[in-house]
C-alpha atoms as a PDB file:
ATOM      1  CA  MET A   1      36.793  32.090 -10.119  1.00  0.00           C
ATOM      2  CA  LEU A   2      34.405  29.752 -12.181  1.00  0.00           C
ATOM      3  CA  LYS A   3      36.446  26.749 -11.133  1.00  0.00           C
ATOM      4  CA  GLY A   4      35.029  27.026  -7.229  1.00  0.00           C
ATOM      5  CA  TRP A   5      31.837  27.060  -8.389  1.00  0.00           C
ATOM      6  CA  LEU A   6      31.985  23.859 -10.794  1.00  0.00           C
ATOM      7  CA  PRO A   7      32.175  21.311  -8.324  1.00  0.00           C
ATOM      8  CA  LEU A   8      28.846  22.486  -6.727  1.00  0.00           C
ATOM      9  CA  VAL A   9      27.144  22.658 -10.118  1.00  0.00           C
ATOM     10  CA  ILE A  10      28.165  19.079 -10.684  1.00  0.00           C
ATOM     11  CA  ILE A  11      26.990  18.134  -7.131  1.00  0.00           C
ATOM     12  CA  PHE A  12      23.891  19.924  -7.757  1.00  0.00           C
ATOM     13  CA  VAL A  13      23.106  18.475 -11.192  1.00  0.00           C
ATOM     14  CA  LEU A  14      23.481  14.782  -9.829  1.00  0.00           C
ATOM     15  CA  MET A  15      21.430  15.775  -6.227  1.00  0.00           C
ATOM     16  CA  THR A  16      18.411  17.044  -8.435  1.00  0.00           C
ATOM     17  CA  GLY A  17      18.766  14.633 -11.377  1.00  0.00           C
ATOM     18  CA  SER A  18      18.879  11.199  -9.687  1.00  0.00           C
ATOM     19  CA  CYS A  19      15.835   9.081  -8.099  1.00  0.00           C
ATOM     20  CA  SER A  20      15.435   8.648  -4.803  1.00  0.00           C
ATOM     21  CA  PRO A  21      15.103   4.918  -3.814  1.00  0.00           C
ATOM     22  CA  LYS A  22      11.351   5.567  -2.730  1.00  0.00           C
ATOM     23  CA  GLU A  23      10.845   6.722  -6.319  1.00  0.00           C
ATOM     24  CA  ALA A  24      12.430   3.827  -8.044  1.00  0.00           C
ATOM     25  CA  SER A  25      10.517   1.456  -5.924  1.00  0.00           C
ATOM     26  CA  THR A  26       7.307  -0.525  -7.464  1.00  0.00           C
ATOM     27  CA  LEU A  27       3.998  -0.572  -5.226  1.00  0.00           C
ATOM     28  CA  ASN A  28       1.829  -3.744  -5.228  1.00  0.00           C
ATOM     29  CA  VAL A  29      -1.724  -2.814  -4.797  1.00  0.00           C
ATOM     30  CA  TYR A  30      -3.971  -5.528  -3.699  1.00  0.00           C
ATOM     31  CA  GLU A  31      -7.711  -5.244  -3.844  1.00  0.00           C
ATOM     32  CA  MET A  32     -10.882  -7.115  -2.857  1.00  0.00           C
ATOM     33  CA  ASN A  33     -14.680  -5.322  -2.671  1.00  0.00           C
ATOM     34  CA  PRO A  34     -16.963  -6.737  -0.570  1.00  0.00           C
ATOM     35  CA  ALA A  35     -20.459  -5.391  -1.305  1.00  0.00           C
ATOM     36  CA  ASP A  36     -19.908  -0.967  -0.338  1.00  0.00           C
ATOM     37  CA  TYR A  37     -16.495  -1.581   0.984  1.00  0.00           C
ATOM     38  CA  SER A  38     -12.998  -1.199  -0.950  1.00  0.00           C
ATOM     39  CA  VAL A  39      -9.707  -2.937   0.687  1.00  0.00           C
ATOM     40  CA  PHE A  40      -6.515  -2.302  -0.737  1.00  0.00           C
ATOM     41  CA  LEU A  41      -3.451  -3.538   0.625  1.00  0.00           C
ATOM     42  CA  TYR A  42      -0.464  -1.213  -0.511  1.00  0.00           C
ATOM     43  CA  SER A  43       2.811  -2.686  -0.292  1.00  0.00           C
ATOM     44  CA  GLU A  44       6.646  -2.328  -1.632  1.00  0.00           C
ATOM     45  CA  GLU A  45       8.052  -4.810  -4.396  1.00  0.00           C
ATOM     46  CA  SER A  46      11.388  -4.548  -2.177  1.00  0.00           C
ATOM     47  CA  LYS A  47      10.192  -5.519   0.624  1.00  0.00           C
ATOM     48  CA  ILE A  48       7.334  -8.197  -0.624  1.00  0.00           C
ATOM     49  CA  GLU A  49       8.220 -10.301   2.778  1.00  0.00           C
ATOM     50  CA  LEU A  50       6.503  -7.812   4.902  1.00  0.00           C
ATOM     51  CA  GLU A  51       3.252  -8.389   3.035  1.00  0.00           C
ATOM     52  CA  GLU A  52       2.715 -11.914   3.818  1.00  0.00           C
ATOM     53  CA  ASN A  53       0.171 -11.333   7.129  1.00  0.00           C
ATOM     54  CA  TYR A  54      -1.773  -8.901   5.713  1.00  0.00           C
ATOM     55  CA  ILE A  55      -2.439 -11.483   2.431  1.00  0.00           C
ATOM     56  CA  ASP A  56      -3.134 -14.120   5.001  1.00  0.00           C
ATOM     57  CA  ALA A  57      -5.433 -12.087   6.979  1.00  0.00           C
ATOM     58  CA  ILE A  58      -7.225 -11.282   3.669  1.00  0.00           C
ATOM     59  CA  LEU A  59      -7.734 -14.688   2.247  1.00  0.00           C
ATOM     60  CA  GLU A  60      -8.337 -15.875   6.059  1.00  0.00           C
ATOM     61  CA  LEU A  61     -11.615 -13.265   5.568  1.00  0.00           C
ATOM     62  CA  ARG A  62     -12.581 -13.852   1.938  1.00  0.00           C
ATOM     63  CA  LEU A  63     -12.617 -18.156   3.676  1.00  0.00           C
ATOM     64  CA  SER A  64     -14.680 -16.924   6.139  1.00  0.00           C
ATOM     65  CA  ASN A  65     -17.512 -15.701   3.757  1.00  0.00           C
ATOM     66  CA  PRO A  66     -16.430 -16.483   0.424  1.00  0.00           C
ATOM     67  CA  GLU A  67     -20.137 -15.717  -1.074  1.00  0.00           C
ATOM     68  CA  LYS A  68     -20.163 -12.208   0.392  1.00  0.00           C
ATOM     69  CA  LEU A  69     -16.579 -11.053  -0.510  1.00  0.00           C
ATOM     70  CA  GLY A  70     -15.583 -10.333  -3.800  1.00  0.00           C
ATOM     71  CA  ASN A  71     -12.436 -11.534  -5.537  1.00  0.00           C
ATOM     72  CA  ILE A  72      -9.199 -10.167  -5.041  1.00  0.00           C
ATOM     73  CA  SER A  73      -7.183  -8.411  -8.000  1.00  0.00           C
ATOM     74  CA  LEU A  74      -3.216  -7.369  -8.001  1.00  0.00           C
ATOM     75  CA  THR A  75      -2.514  -4.447 -10.183  1.00  0.00           C
ATOM     76  CA  LYS A  76       1.344  -2.967 -10.181  1.00  0.00           C
ATOM     77  CA  SER A  77       2.290   0.829 -10.859  1.00  0.00           C
ATOM     78  CA  SER A  78       4.544   3.576  -9.456  1.00  0.00           C
ATOM     79  CA  ILE A  79       4.427   4.414  -6.109  1.00  0.00           C
ATOM     80  CA  PHE A  80       3.816   8.057  -6.965  1.00  0.00           C
ATOM     81  CA  SER A  81       0.833   7.259  -9.468  1.00  0.00           C
ATOM     82  CA  LYS A  82      -2.213   9.123  -8.305  1.00  0.00           C
ATOM     83  CA  GLU A  83      -4.409   5.918  -8.585  1.00  0.00           C
ATOM     84  CA  THR A  84      -2.534   3.949  -5.919  1.00  0.00           C
ATOM     85  CA  ASN A  85      -0.626   6.960  -3.333  1.00  0.00           C
ATOM     86  CA  HIS A  86      -2.785   7.144  -0.892  1.00  0.00           C
ATOM     87  CA  PRO A  87      -1.983  10.561   1.352  1.00  0.00           C
ATOM     88  CA  SER A  88      -2.135   9.261   4.541  1.00  0.00           C
ATOM     89  CA  ILE A  89       0.426   6.028   3.890  1.00  0.00           C
ATOM     90  CA  SER A  90       3.728   6.883   4.627  1.00  0.00           C
ATOM     91  CA  HIS A  91       5.120   2.959   5.611  1.00  0.00           C
ATOM     92  CA  TYR A  92       4.306  -0.070   3.930  1.00  0.00           C
ATOM     93  CA  PRO A  93       2.901  -2.481   3.727  1.00  0.00           C
ATOM     94  CA  ALA A  94      -0.215  -0.843   4.330  1.00  0.00           C
ATOM     95  CA  LEU A  95      -3.863  -1.577   4.379  1.00  0.00           C
ATOM     96  CA  VAL A  96      -6.942   0.592   4.039  1.00  0.00           C
ATOM     97  CA  ILE A  97     -10.179   0.249   4.586  1.00  0.00           C
ATOM     98  CA  GLN A  98     -12.898   2.256   3.150  1.00  0.00           C
ATOM     99  CA  LYS A  99     -16.939   2.426   2.457  1.00  0.00           C
ATOM    100  CA  ASN A 100     -18.084   4.476  -0.065  1.00  0.00           C
ATOM    101  CA  GLY A 101     -15.188   6.260  -0.744  1.00  0.00           C
ATOM    102  CA  GLN A 102     -14.677   7.221   2.998  1.00  0.00           C
ATOM    103  CA  THR A 103     -11.901   5.756   5.058  1.00  0.00           C
ATOM    104  CA  LEU A 104     -12.529   3.756   7.859  1.00  0.00           C
ATOM    105  CA  ALA A 105      -9.593   2.118   9.010  1.00  0.00           C
ATOM    106  CA  THR A 106      -6.147   1.962   8.072  1.00  0.00           C
ATOM    107  CA  MET A 107      -3.262  -0.376   9.356  1.00  0.00           C
ATOM    108  CA  THR A 108       0.689   0.185   8.113  1.00  0.00           C
ATOM    109  CA  GLY A 109       3.622  -1.978   9.041  1.00  0.00           C
ATOM    110  CA  GLN A 110       4.666  -5.201   9.808  1.00  0.00           C
ATOM    111  CA  LYS A 111       1.463  -6.613  11.586  1.00  0.00           C
ATOM    112  CA  ARG A 112       0.459  -9.826  13.547  1.00  0.00           C
ATOM    113  CA  LYS A 113      -2.273 -11.669  10.980  1.00  0.00           C
ATOM    114  CA  ASN A 114      -4.272 -12.018  14.308  1.00  0.00           C
ATOM    115  CA  ASP A 115      -4.654  -8.145  14.485  1.00  0.00           C
ATOM    116  CA  ILE A 116      -5.220  -7.542  11.095  1.00  0.00           C
ATOM    117  CA  PHE A 117      -8.051 -10.316  10.397  1.00  0.00           C
ATOM    118  CA  THR A 118      -9.528  -8.508  13.877  1.00  0.00           C
ATOM    119  CA  LEU A 119      -9.642  -5.080  11.925  1.00  0.00           C
ATOM    120  CA  LEU A 120     -10.962  -6.486   8.790  1.00  0.00           C
ATOM    121  CA  GLN A 121     -13.495  -8.243  10.831  1.00  0.00           C
ATOM    122  CA  ASP A 122     -14.326  -5.493  13.062  1.00  0.00           C
ATOM    123  CA  THR A 123     -14.674  -2.763  10.014  1.00  0.00           C
ATOM    124  CA  ILE A 124     -16.105  -4.930   7.349  1.00  0.00           C
ATOM    125  CA  THR A 125     -20.270  -5.548   8.160  1.00  0.00           C
ATOM    126  CA  TYR A 126     -22.088  -7.922   5.876  1.00  0.00           C
ATOM    127  CA  LYS A 127     -25.234  -7.218   4.617  1.00  0.00           C
END
């Protein structure tokens, strides 16, 4: 009787003890803070090539108004970190634009640079 349960116990231990691919991945977080806004770009390091259009659009916006836009910084942390895990994000890369802590716009997945730039430009107003 005990021998019949042994394979099930082994499978259960292996399934619950191993990391899923999502848990093991690293999240890149880019941040830009123009005026009262916070612009976050979240991307998985394992799919870094997908963030290129987002980075290009953010840099284009930054270059179009260098005196009004803040610096861009990069931090890396675990995908399940409380500081970086945004509850509405299920696909990466993801762009989140907030003003005074309120989310104004989000964009996720592979997008064209012009679409990303338009979202940034339409959402962020300069003082």
